[in-house]
Amino acid sequence: MCLIIKKPLGRRIAADFLENAWQRNSHGWGCFHTQRGEVIWARGLRLDELIDHNACLPLDAEVYVHLRRATYGDVNHDMAHPYVVRPGLLLMHNGSIAHLAPQDVSRSDTSELARVLHDMLSGLSDEQASALIRSHGFRALTAPLIDGSMVILMDAQGAVRLGRDWHTVSAADWSDAMAGMEVSNSHTWGRHLTPSAAESVTV
């Protein structure tokens, strides 16, 4: 199912939250953000890489972090998100799109979505593509294609969210360190229990 975490300005994603989410989404990680008009991105396959990279993310940037749980496709570096739709435009996806499952079982539904969007935007200038992905028409056109998932597109102008809305983490869900941060779902990570809450559960 995967998980996307939106790191706001001035905040850092708690390492223990990432470690917890990794237990359910351990098939790769990736992130992207903009810096001086350029999309900066990275991806990998190991938790220690993710923890180290998270610690170095700029505090003055909104960053999107993706943890993959493979529904379709191999578990390898190429299948980790984000995907390049076209130079300067990248994609993350949370969900499962059965009607985009490729015949090549080594590939994922997200790789197929990236290919479809690449074809849709083919021939457009960067400025035209940027305007199109932010239009109401594009949102309406892609809604049946995305089919209830969440998709984040990132170009030099910033992020565009398509599909379902965010879930906001509360202090009761985790801790003050994550309170107010937004994630793509509430079920691919485990609720954090304080020592007192854990004791009440085990009694």
C-alpha atoms as a PDB file:
ATOM      1  CA  MET A   1       0.000   0.000   0.000  1.00  0.00           C
ATOM      2  CA  CYS A   2       2.962   2.348   0.671  1.00  0.00           C
ATOM      3  CA  LEU A   3       3.124   5.561   2.687  1.00  0.00           C
ATOM      4  CA  ILE A   4       3.837   9.161   1.724  1.00  0.00           C
ATOM      5  CA  ILE A   5       4.899  11.601   4.444  1.00  0.00           C
ATOM      6  CA  LYS A   6       4.853  15.358   3.901  1.00  0.00           C
ATOM      7  CA  LYS A   7       7.594  17.083   5.903  1.00  0.00           C
ATOM      8  CA  PRO A   8       6.625  20.725   6.445  1.00  0.00           C
ATOM      9  CA  LEU A   9       8.952  23.696   6.666  1.00  0.00           C
ATOM     10  CA  GLY A  10      10.956  23.850   9.866  1.00  0.00           C
ATOM     11  CA  ARG A  11      10.210  20.251  10.885  1.00  0.00           C
ATOM     12  CA  ARG A  12      11.992  16.921  10.663  1.00  0.00           C
ATOM     13  CA  ILE A  13      10.312  13.521  10.424  1.00  0.00           C
ATOM     14  CA  ALA A  14      10.916  11.587  13.639  1.00  0.00           C
ATOM     15  CA  ALA A  15      13.354   8.722  13.056  1.00  0.00           C
ATOM     16  CA  ASP A  16      11.300   6.363  15.221  1.00  0.00           C
ATOM     17  CA  PHE A  17       8.250   7.059  13.052  1.00  0.00           C
ATOM     18  CA  LEU A  18      10.230   6.113   9.941  1.00  0.00           C
ATOM     19  CA  GLU A  19      11.513   2.957  11.628  1.00  0.00           C
ATOM     20  CA  ASN A  20       7.970   1.983  12.578  1.00  0.00           C
ATOM     21  CA  ALA A  21       6.570   2.643   9.098  1.00  0.00           C
ATOM     22  CA  TRP A  22       9.481   0.726   7.532  1.00  0.00           C
ATOM     23  CA  GLN A  23       8.254  -2.447   9.256  1.00  0.00           C
ATOM     24  CA  ARG A  24       5.223  -2.384   6.910  1.00  0.00           C
ATOM     25  CA  ASN A  25       6.770  -0.600   3.901  1.00  0.00           C
ATOM     26  CA  SER A  26      10.296  -1.948   3.469  1.00  0.00           C
ATOM     27  CA  HIS A  27      10.551  -2.296  -0.325  1.00  0.00           C
ATOM     28  CA  GLY A  28      12.354   0.976  -0.956  1.00  0.00           C
ATOM     29  CA  TRP A  29      12.269   4.654  -0.085  1.00  0.00           C
ATOM     30  CA  GLY A  30      12.503   7.934  -1.940  1.00  0.00           C
ATOM     31  CA  CYS A  31      11.999  11.648  -1.480  1.00  0.00           C
ATOM     32  CA  PHE A  32      11.803  14.896  -3.400  1.00  0.00           C
ATOM     33  CA  HIS A  33      11.661  18.649  -2.865  1.00  0.00           C
ATOM     34  CA  THR A  34      12.484  21.820  -4.742  1.00  0.00           C
ATOM     35  CA  GLN A  35      15.599  23.898  -4.230  1.00  0.00           C
ATOM     36  CA  ARG A  36      16.401  27.072  -6.190  1.00  0.00           C
ATOM     37  CA  GLY A  37      13.982  26.121  -8.972  1.00  0.00           C
ATOM     38  CA  GLU A  38      15.208  22.538  -9.316  1.00  0.00           C
ATOM     39  CA  VAL A  39      13.714  19.226  -8.205  1.00  0.00           C
ATOM     40  CA  ILE A  40      16.074  17.412  -5.817  1.00  0.00           C
ATOM     41  CA  TRP A  41      15.386  13.715  -5.341  1.00  0.00           C
ATOM     42  CA  ALA A  42      16.876  10.509  -4.002  1.00  0.00           C
ATOM     43  CA  ARG A  43      15.864   6.911  -3.427  1.00  0.00           C
ATOM     44  CA  GLY A  44      17.255   3.725  -1.914  1.00  0.00           C
ATOM     45  CA  LEU A  45      16.483   0.296  -0.498  1.00  0.00           C
ATOM     46  CA  ARG A  46      17.842   0.318   3.064  1.00  0.00           C
ATOM     47  CA  LEU A  47      16.437   1.754   6.274  1.00  0.00           C
ATOM     48  CA  ASP A  48      19.810   3.074   7.426  1.00  0.00           C
ATOM     49  CA  GLU A  49      20.091   5.084   4.185  1.00  0.00           C
ATOM     50  CA  LEU A  50      16.646   6.545   4.794  1.00  0.00           C
ATOM     51  CA  ILE A  51      17.422   7.489   8.404  1.00  0.00           C
ATOM     52  CA  ASP A  52      20.692   9.159   7.396  1.00  0.00           C
ATOM     53  CA  HIS A  53      19.085  10.969   4.464  1.00  0.00           C
ATOM     54  CA  ASN A  54      16.178  12.168   6.604  1.00  0.00           C
ATOM     55  CA  ALA A  55      18.619  13.677   9.119  1.00  0.00           C
ATOM     56  CA  CYS A  56      20.181  15.752   6.317  1.00  0.00           C
ATOM     57  CA  LEU A  57      16.979  17.018   4.669  1.00  0.00           C
ATOM     58  CA  PRO A  58      16.813  20.823   4.592  1.00  0.00           C
ATOM     59  CA  LEU A  59      14.644  22.340   7.302  1.00  0.00           C
ATOM     60  CA  ASP A  60      13.716  25.228   5.006  1.00  0.00           C
ATOM     61  CA  ALA A  61      12.011  22.959   2.454  1.00  0.00           C
ATOM     62  CA  GLU A  62       8.759  21.026   2.231  1.00  0.00           C
ATOM     63  CA  VAL A  63       9.849  17.461   1.479  1.00  0.00           C
ATOM     64  CA  TYR A  64       7.830  14.412   0.442  1.00  0.00           C
ATOM     65  CA  VAL A  65       9.091  11.003   1.575  1.00  0.00           C
ATOM     66  CA  HIS A  66       7.792   7.724   0.139  1.00  0.00           C
ATOM     67  CA  LEU A  67       8.094   4.261   1.691  1.00  0.00           C
ATOM     68  CA  ARG A  68       7.169   1.457  -0.692  1.00  0.00           C
ATOM     69  CA  ARG A  69       5.214  -1.708  -0.058  1.00  0.00           C
ATOM     70  CA  ALA A  70       5.174  -3.560  -3.364  1.00  0.00           C
ATOM     71  CA  THR A  71       1.795  -4.562  -4.748  1.00  0.00           C
ATOM     72  CA  TYR A  72       3.066  -5.072  -8.286  1.00  0.00           C
ATOM     73  CA  GLY A  73       6.601  -5.286  -9.630  1.00  0.00           C
ATOM     74  CA  ASP A  74      10.002  -6.369  -8.394  1.00  0.00           C
ATOM     75  CA  VAL A  75      11.660  -5.022  -5.279  1.00  0.00           C
ATOM     76  CA  ASN A  76      14.647  -3.120  -6.599  1.00  0.00           C
ATOM     77  CA  HIS A  77      16.077   0.379  -6.874  1.00  0.00           C
ATOM     78  CA  ASP A  78      14.260   1.158 -10.134  1.00  0.00           C
ATOM     79  CA  MET A  79      10.850   0.340  -8.640  1.00  0.00           C
ATOM     80  CA  ALA A  80      11.370   2.638  -5.631  1.00  0.00           C
ATOM     81  CA  HIS A  81       9.550   5.972  -5.887  1.00  0.00           C
ATOM     82  CA  PRO A  82       9.800   8.643  -7.148  1.00  0.00           C
ATOM     83  CA  TYR A  83       9.492   7.940 -10.865  1.00  0.00           C
ATOM     84  CA  VAL A  84      10.594  10.363 -13.571  1.00  0.00           C
ATOM     85  CA  VAL A  85       7.574  11.225 -15.718  1.00  0.00           C
ATOM     86  CA  ARG A  86       9.689  13.568 -17.847  1.00  0.00           C
ATOM     87  CA  PRO A  87      12.837  15.565 -17.080  1.00  0.00           C
ATOM     88  CA  GLY A  88      11.982  17.895 -14.206  1.00  0.00           C
ATOM     89  CA  LEU A  89       8.678  16.164 -13.342  1.00  0.00           C
ATOM     90  CA  LEU A  90       8.556  13.295 -10.852  1.00  0.00           C
ATOM     91  CA  LEU A  91       5.806  11.161  -9.349  1.00  0.00           C
ATOM     92  CA  MET A  92       5.018   9.347  -6.087  1.00  0.00           C
ATOM     93  CA  HIS A  93       1.982   7.108  -5.634  1.00  0.00           C
ATOM     94  CA  ASN A  94       0.206   5.583  -2.650  1.00  0.00           C
ATOM     95  CA  GLY A  95      -2.425   2.976  -3.427  1.00  0.00           C
ATOM     96  CA  SER A  96      -3.001   0.163  -5.875  1.00  0.00           C
ATOM     97  CA  ILE A  97      -4.238   0.645  -9.437  1.00  0.00           C
ATOM     98  CA  ALA A  98      -5.247  -2.802 -10.642  1.00  0.00           C
ATOM     99  CA  HIS A  99      -6.257  -1.632 -14.116  1.00  0.00           C
ATOM    100  CA  LEU A 100      -2.700  -0.314 -14.635  1.00  0.00           C
ATOM    101  CA  ALA A 101      -0.977  -3.539 -13.611  1.00  0.00           C
ATOM    102  CA  PRO A 102       1.475  -4.146 -16.468  1.00  0.00           C
ATOM    103  CA  GLN A 103       1.805  -7.476 -18.260  1.00  0.00           C
ATOM    104  CA  ASP A 104       5.507  -7.419 -17.409  1.00  0.00           C
ATOM    105  CA  VAL A 105       5.321  -8.644 -13.793  1.00  0.00           C
ATOM    106  CA  SER A 106       8.706  -7.099 -13.013  1.00  0.00           C
ATOM    107  CA  ARG A 107       7.148  -3.637 -13.450  1.00  0.00           C
ATOM    108  CA  SER A 108       4.718  -1.863 -11.132  1.00  0.00           C
ATOM    109  CA  ASP A 109       1.389  -0.119 -11.576  1.00  0.00           C
ATOM    110  CA  THR A 110       3.147   3.139 -10.636  1.00  0.00           C
ATOM    111  CA  SER A 111       5.712   2.700 -13.405  1.00  0.00           C
ATOM    112  CA  GLU A 112       2.812   2.245 -15.808  1.00  0.00           C
ATOM    113  CA  LEU A 113       1.123   5.379 -14.442  1.00  0.00           C
ATOM    114  CA  ALA A 114       4.344   7.326 -14.993  1.00  0.00           C
ATOM    115  CA  ARG A 115       4.460   6.042 -18.584  1.00  0.00           C
ATOM    116  CA  VAL A 116       0.831   7.042 -19.229  1.00  0.00           C
ATOM    117  CA  LEU A 117       1.391  10.535 -17.838  1.00  0.00           C
ATOM    118  CA  HIS A 118       4.592  10.839 -19.884  1.00  0.00           C
ATOM    119  CA  ASP A 119       2.564  10.093 -23.028  1.00  0.00           C
ATOM    120  CA  MET A 120      -0.155  12.571 -21.999  1.00  0.00           C
ATOM    121  CA  LEU A 121       2.381  15.374 -21.553  1.00  0.00           C
ATOM    122  CA  SER A 122       4.508  14.502 -24.582  1.00  0.00           C
ATOM    123  CA  GLY A 123       5.171  17.419 -26.897  1.00  0.00           C
ATOM    124  CA  LEU A 124       4.415  20.090 -24.290  1.00  0.00           C
ATOM    125  CA  SER A 125       6.959  22.616 -23.083  1.00  0.00           C
ATOM    126  CA  ASP A 126       7.878  22.587 -19.399  1.00  0.00           C
ATOM    127  CA  GLU A 127       5.686  25.652 -18.869  1.00  0.00           C
ATOM    128  CA  GLN A 128       2.722  24.038 -20.626  1.00  0.00           C
ATOM    129  CA  ALA A 129       3.109  20.780 -18.715  1.00  0.00           C
ATOM    130  CA  SER A 130       3.376  22.651 -15.409  1.00  0.00           C
ATOM    131  CA  ALA A 131       0.191  24.593 -16.135  1.00  0.00           C
ATOM    132  CA  LEU A 132      -1.671  21.489 -17.297  1.00  0.00           C
ATOM    133  CA  ILE A 133      -0.966  19.357 -14.206  1.00  0.00           C
ATOM    134  CA  ARG A 134      -2.341  22.210 -12.066  1.00  0.00           C
ATOM    135  CA  SER A 135      -5.552  22.562 -14.071  1.00  0.00           C
ATOM    136  CA  HIS A 136      -9.027  21.418 -13.090  1.00  0.00           C
ATOM    137  CA  GLY A 137      -9.260  19.564 -16.406  1.00  0.00           C
ATOM    138  CA  PHE A 138      -6.181  17.471 -15.664  1.00  0.00           C
ATOM    139  CA  ARG A 139      -7.497  16.626 -12.202  1.00  0.00           C
ATOM    140  CA  ALA A 140     -10.834  15.526 -13.689  1.00  0.00           C
ATOM    141  CA  LEU A 141      -9.154  13.583 -16.486  1.00  0.00           C
ATOM    142  CA  THR A 142      -6.838  11.645 -14.185  1.00  0.00           C
ATOM    143  CA  ALA A 143      -9.364  10.923 -11.410  1.00  0.00           C
ATOM    144  CA  PRO A 144     -10.658   7.673 -13.009  1.00  0.00           C
ATOM    145  CA  LEU A 145      -7.096   6.660 -13.867  1.00  0.00           C
ATOM    146  CA  ILE A 146      -5.863   7.127 -10.285  1.00  0.00           C
ATOM    147  CA  ASP A 147      -8.945   5.350  -8.913  1.00  0.00           C
ATOM    148  CA  GLY A 148      -8.892   6.493  -5.263  1.00  0.00           C
ATOM    149  CA  SER A 149      -5.114   6.495  -4.803  1.00  0.00           C
ATOM    150  CA  MET A 150      -2.944   9.478  -3.884  1.00  0.00           C
ATOM    151  CA  VAL A 151      -0.439  10.805  -6.407  1.00  0.00           C
ATOM    152  CA  ILE A 152       2.099  13.560  -5.775  1.00  0.00           C
ATOM    153  CA  LEU A 153       3.661  15.237  -8.802  1.00  0.00           C
ATOM    154  CA  MET A 154       6.688  17.479  -8.269  1.00  0.00           C
ATOM    155  CA  ASP A 155       8.224  19.970 -10.671  1.00  0.00           C
ATOM    156  CA  ALA A 156      10.189  23.191 -10.267  1.00  0.00           C
ATOM    157  CA  GLN A 157       6.995  24.995  -9.214  1.00  0.00           C
ATOM    158  CA  GLY A 158       6.380  22.611  -6.313  1.00  0.00           C
ATOM    159  CA  ALA A 159       4.023  19.758  -5.508  1.00  0.00           C
ATOM    160  CA  VAL A 160       0.627  18.857  -6.956  1.00  0.00           C
ATOM    161  CA  ARG A 161      -1.549  16.345  -5.108  1.00  0.00           C
ATOM    162  CA  LEU A 162      -4.064  14.248  -7.020  1.00  0.00           C
ATOM    163  CA  GLY A 163      -6.573  11.809  -5.563  1.00  0.00           C
ATOM    164  CA  ARG A 164      -7.488  11.378  -1.943  1.00  0.00           C
ATOM    165  CA  ASP A 165      -6.686  13.811   0.844  1.00  0.00           C
ATOM    166  CA  TRP A 166      -4.106  13.682   3.622  1.00  0.00           C
ATOM    167  CA  HIS A 167      -4.423  12.202   7.112  1.00  0.00           C
ATOM    168  CA  THR A 168      -3.048  14.518   9.818  1.00  0.00           C
ATOM    169  CA  VAL A 169      -1.043  12.801  12.560  1.00  0.00           C
ATOM    170  CA  SER A 170      -2.066  13.776  16.093  1.00  0.00           C
ATOM    171  CA  ALA A 171      -0.031  13.623  19.279  1.00  0.00           C
ATOM    172  CA  ALA A 172      -2.314  10.761  20.363  1.00  0.00           C
ATOM    173  CA  ASP A 173      -1.409   8.865  17.172  1.00  0.00           C
ATOM    174  CA  TRP A 174       2.326   9.161  17.768  1.00  0.00           C
ATOM    175  CA  SER A 175       3.913  11.973  19.783  1.00  0.00           C
ATOM    176  CA  ASP A 176       4.385  15.726  19.710  1.00  0.00           C
ATOM    177  CA  ALA A 177       7.338  15.173  17.346  1.00  0.00           C
ATOM    178  CA  MET A 178       4.922  14.112  14.571  1.00  0.00           C
ATOM    179  CA  ALA A 179       1.775  16.015  15.579  1.00  0.00           C
ATOM    180  CA  GLY A 180       0.390  18.034  12.684  1.00  0.00           C
ATOM    181  CA  MET A 181       2.391  16.271   9.974  1.00  0.00           C
ATOM    182  CA  GLU A 182       0.432  14.853   7.072  1.00  0.00           C
ATOM    183  CA  VAL A 183       0.623  11.289   5.782  1.00  0.00           C
ATOM    184  CA  SER A 184      -1.127   9.517   2.935  1.00  0.00           C
ATOM    185  CA  ASN A 185      -2.932   6.996   5.133  1.00  0.00           C
ATOM    186  CA  SER A 186      -3.383   5.916   8.744  1.00  0.00           C
ATOM    187  CA  HIS A 187      -2.997   2.139   8.402  1.00  0.00           C
ATOM    188  CA  THR A 188       0.513   1.436   7.062  1.00  0.00           C
ATOM    189  CA  TRP A 189       2.217   2.487  10.287  1.00  0.00           C
ATOM    190  CA  GLY A 190       1.568   1.481  13.876  1.00  0.00           C
ATOM    191  CA  ARG A 191       0.263   3.827  16.528  1.00  0.00           C
ATOM    192  CA  HIS A 192       2.942   4.926  18.979  1.00  0.00           C
ATOM    193  CA  LEU A 193       2.116   4.193  22.606  1.00  0.00           C
ATOM    194  CA  THR A 194       3.608   6.141  25.495  1.00  0.00           C
ATOM    195  CA  PRO A 195       4.797   3.924  28.396  1.00  0.00           C
ATOM    196  CA  SER A 196       1.654   4.714  30.420  1.00  0.00           C
ATOM    197  CA  ALA A 197      -0.626   3.951  27.467  1.00  0.00           C
ATOM    198  CA  ALA A 198       1.199   0.696  26.769  1.00  0.00           C
ATOM    199  CA  GLU A 199       0.764  -0.386  30.372  1.00  0.00           C
ATOM    200  CA  SER A 200      -2.983   0.266  30.216  1.00  0.00           C
ATOM    201  CA  VAL A 201      -3.234  -1.875  27.070  1.00  0.00           C
ATOM    202  CA  THR A 202      -1.413  -4.845  28.609  1.00  0.00           C
ATOM    203  CA  VAL A 203      -3.348  -4.829  31.898  1.00  0.00           C
END
